[in-house]
């Protein structure tokens, strides 16, 4: 079982990367499958949005 936990401090205007999100989620999950499902759910629910050069991108979860 993984024991590396990453705690992300909330920021007013967060500029975390997709890799940071995946690392934070994977530190709390037990398998890669669970990590992918959790990240996909975060995008599908709208709790996390992807931004590129100031524009929010639409994330399609298949």
N, C-alpha and C. Protein backbone atom coordinates (compact mmCIF):
# COMPACT_ATOMS: atom_id res chain seq x y z
N UNK A 1 0.84 -1.17 0.00
CA UNK A 1 0.00 0.00 0.00
C UNK A 1 0.89 1.24 0.00
N UNK A 2 0.47 2.23 -0.75
CA UNK A 2 1.25 3.46 -0.85
C UNK A 2 1.14 4.28 0.42
N UNK A 3 2.23 4.87 0.82
CA UNK A 3 2.24 5.71 2.02
C UNK A 3 2.69 7.13 1.71
N UNK A 4 2.89 7.47 0.44
CA UNK A 4 3.31 8.83 0.11
C UNK A 4 2.09 9.70 -0.10
N UNK A 5 1.85 10.58 0.83
CA UNK A 5 0.71 11.47 0.76
C UNK A 5 1.17 12.86 0.38
N UNK A 6 0.45 13.44 -0.55
CA UNK A 6 0.76 14.81 -0.95
C UNK A 6 -0.43 15.68 -0.59
N UNK A 7 -0.19 16.69 0.19
CA UNK A 7 -1.25 17.61 0.59
C UNK A 7 -1.05 18.91 -0.17
N UNK A 8 -2.07 19.30 -0.91
CA UNK A 8 -2.01 20.52 -1.69
C UNK A 8 -2.70 21.63 -0.92
N UNK A 9 -2.02 22.72 -0.72
CA UNK A 9 -2.59 23.85 -0.02
C UNK A 9 -3.52 24.59 -0.97
N UNK A 10 -4.72 24.93 -0.51
CA UNK A 10 -5.64 25.67 -1.37
C UNK A 10 -5.11 27.06 -1.67
N UNK A 11 -5.25 27.48 -2.90
CA UNK A 11 -4.83 28.82 -3.31
C UNK A 11 -6.03 29.54 -3.90
N UNK A 12 -5.98 30.86 -3.87
CA UNK A 12 -7.09 31.61 -4.43
C UNK A 12 -7.20 31.36 -5.93
N UNK A 13 -6.13 31.51 -6.64
CA UNK A 13 -6.10 31.23 -8.07
C UNK A 13 -5.10 30.10 -8.27
N UNK A 14 -5.61 28.91 -8.24
CA UNK A 14 -4.76 27.73 -8.28
C UNK A 14 -4.17 27.55 -9.68
N UNK A 15 -2.89 27.26 -9.72
CA UNK A 15 -2.22 27.02 -11.00
C UNK A 15 -1.51 25.67 -10.96
N UNK A 16 -2.23 24.66 -10.52
CA UNK A 16 -1.68 23.32 -10.46
C UNK A 16 -1.81 22.65 -11.82
N UNK A 17 -0.89 21.78 -12.11
CA UNK A 17 -0.92 21.09 -13.40
C UNK A 17 -1.74 19.81 -13.30
N UNK A 18 -2.01 19.22 -14.44
CA UNK A 18 -2.72 17.95 -14.48
C UNK A 18 -1.91 16.88 -13.78
N UNK A 19 -0.61 16.94 -13.92
CA UNK A 19 0.27 15.99 -13.23
C UNK A 19 0.18 16.12 -11.72
N UNK A 20 0.05 17.36 -11.22
CA UNK A 20 -0.12 17.58 -9.78
C UNK A 20 -1.42 16.95 -9.29
N UNK A 21 -2.48 17.10 -10.08
CA UNK A 21 -3.76 16.51 -9.72
C UNK A 21 -3.66 14.99 -9.65
N UNK A 22 -3.05 14.40 -10.66
CA UNK A 22 -2.91 12.94 -10.70
C UNK A 22 -2.06 12.45 -9.55
N UNK A 23 -0.98 13.15 -9.24
CA UNK A 23 -0.12 12.77 -8.13
C UNK A 23 -0.86 12.85 -6.80
N UNK A 24 -1.63 13.90 -6.60
CA UNK A 24 -2.38 14.05 -5.35
C UNK A 24 -3.44 12.95 -5.21
N UNK A 25 -4.13 12.65 -6.30
CA UNK A 25 -5.16 11.61 -6.24
C UNK A 25 -4.53 10.24 -6.05
N UNK A 26 -3.43 9.98 -6.75
CA UNK A 26 -2.81 8.65 -6.66
C UNK A 26 -2.20 8.40 -5.28
N UNK A 27 -1.88 9.46 -4.56
CA UNK A 27 -1.34 9.26 -3.22
C UNK A 27 -2.41 8.80 -2.23
N UNK A 28 -3.68 8.97 -2.61
CA UNK A 28 -4.78 8.58 -1.73
C UNK A 28 -5.51 7.33 -2.21
N UNK A 29 -5.16 6.81 -3.38
CA UNK A 29 -5.85 5.63 -3.91
C UNK A 29 -4.92 4.43 -3.87
N UNK A 30 -5.52 3.26 -4.01
CA UNK A 30 -4.74 2.03 -3.88
C UNK A 30 -4.35 1.41 -5.22
N UNK A 31 -4.93 1.86 -6.32
CA UNK A 31 -4.59 1.29 -7.62
C UNK A 31 -4.68 2.35 -8.71
N UNK A 32 -4.05 2.05 -9.84
CA UNK A 32 -4.10 2.97 -10.98
C UNK A 32 -5.51 3.10 -11.52
N UNK A 33 -6.25 2.02 -11.49
CA UNK A 33 -7.63 2.03 -11.98
C UNK A 33 -8.50 2.99 -11.15
N UNK A 34 -8.29 2.96 -9.85
CA UNK A 34 -9.04 3.85 -8.96
C UNK A 34 -8.63 5.31 -9.18
N UNK A 35 -7.35 5.55 -9.45
CA UNK A 35 -6.86 6.90 -9.73
C UNK A 35 -7.53 7.46 -10.98
N UNK A 36 -7.55 6.67 -12.05
CA UNK A 36 -8.15 7.12 -13.30
C UNK A 36 -9.64 7.39 -13.12
N UNK A 37 -10.32 6.51 -12.41
CA UNK A 37 -11.76 6.69 -12.18
C UNK A 37 -12.04 7.95 -11.37
N UNK A 38 -11.22 8.22 -10.37
CA UNK A 38 -11.42 9.40 -9.53
C UNK A 38 -11.17 10.69 -10.31
N UNK A 39 -10.08 10.73 -11.08
CA UNK A 39 -9.78 11.93 -11.88
C UNK A 39 -10.87 12.15 -12.93
N UNK A 40 -11.33 11.08 -13.56
CA UNK A 40 -12.41 11.20 -14.55
C UNK A 40 -13.68 11.72 -13.90
N UNK A 41 -13.98 11.26 -12.69
CA UNK A 41 -15.17 11.72 -11.98
C UNK A 41 -15.05 13.20 -11.60
N UNK A 42 -13.85 13.63 -11.21
CA UNK A 42 -13.65 15.05 -10.88
C UNK A 42 -13.91 15.94 -12.09
N UNK A 43 -13.45 15.51 -13.26
CA UNK A 43 -13.69 16.29 -14.48
C UNK A 43 -15.17 16.24 -14.87
N UNK A 44 -15.78 15.06 -14.80
CA UNK A 44 -17.17 14.91 -15.22
C UNK A 44 -18.13 15.70 -14.31
N UNK A 45 -17.81 15.77 -13.03
CA UNK A 45 -18.69 16.47 -12.09
C UNK A 45 -18.50 17.98 -12.14
N UNK A 46 -17.42 18.44 -12.75
CA UNK A 46 -17.17 19.88 -12.84
C UNK A 46 -16.43 20.43 -11.64
N UNK A 47 -16.00 19.58 -10.72
CA UNK A 47 -15.26 20.05 -9.55
C UNK A 47 -13.85 20.50 -9.92
N UNK A 48 -13.34 19.98 -11.03
CA UNK A 48 -12.02 20.36 -11.53
C UNK A 48 -12.18 20.77 -12.98
N UNK A 49 -11.55 21.89 -13.33
CA UNK A 49 -11.59 22.36 -14.72
C UNK A 49 -10.16 22.48 -15.24
N UNK A 50 -10.01 22.26 -16.53
CA UNK A 50 -8.71 22.33 -17.19
C UNK A 50 -8.61 23.68 -17.90
N UNK A 51 -7.47 24.34 -17.74
CA UNK A 51 -7.28 25.67 -18.31
C UNK A 51 -6.01 25.69 -19.14
N UNK A 52 -6.08 26.35 -20.30
CA UNK A 52 -4.93 26.49 -21.19
C UNK A 52 -4.84 27.94 -21.64
N UNK A 53 -3.80 28.62 -21.23
CA UNK A 53 -3.57 30.03 -21.59
C UNK A 53 -4.78 30.91 -21.27
N UNK A 54 -5.35 30.70 -20.09
CA UNK A 54 -6.45 31.54 -19.66
C UNK A 54 -7.82 31.09 -20.13
N UNK A 55 -7.87 30.10 -21.00
CA UNK A 55 -9.16 29.60 -21.51
C UNK A 55 -9.45 28.25 -20.88
N UNK A 56 -10.67 28.07 -20.40
CA UNK A 56 -11.06 26.80 -19.84
C UNK A 56 -11.38 25.85 -20.99
N UNK A 57 -10.85 24.64 -20.90
CA UNK A 57 -11.07 23.65 -21.93
C UNK A 57 -12.14 22.67 -21.50
N UNK A 58 -12.85 22.15 -22.46
CA UNK A 58 -13.85 21.15 -22.18
C UNK A 58 -13.17 19.79 -22.11
N UNK A 59 -13.42 19.07 -21.05
CA UNK A 59 -12.84 17.75 -20.88
C UNK A 59 -13.91 16.73 -21.17
N UNK A 60 -13.59 15.82 -22.04
CA UNK A 60 -14.55 14.79 -22.43
C UNK A 60 -14.16 13.48 -21.78
N UNK A 61 -15.03 12.96 -20.94
CA UNK A 61 -14.77 11.70 -20.24
C UNK A 61 -15.57 10.62 -20.94
N UNK A 62 -14.85 9.66 -21.50
CA UNK A 62 -15.51 8.57 -22.24
C UNK A 62 -15.59 7.31 -21.41
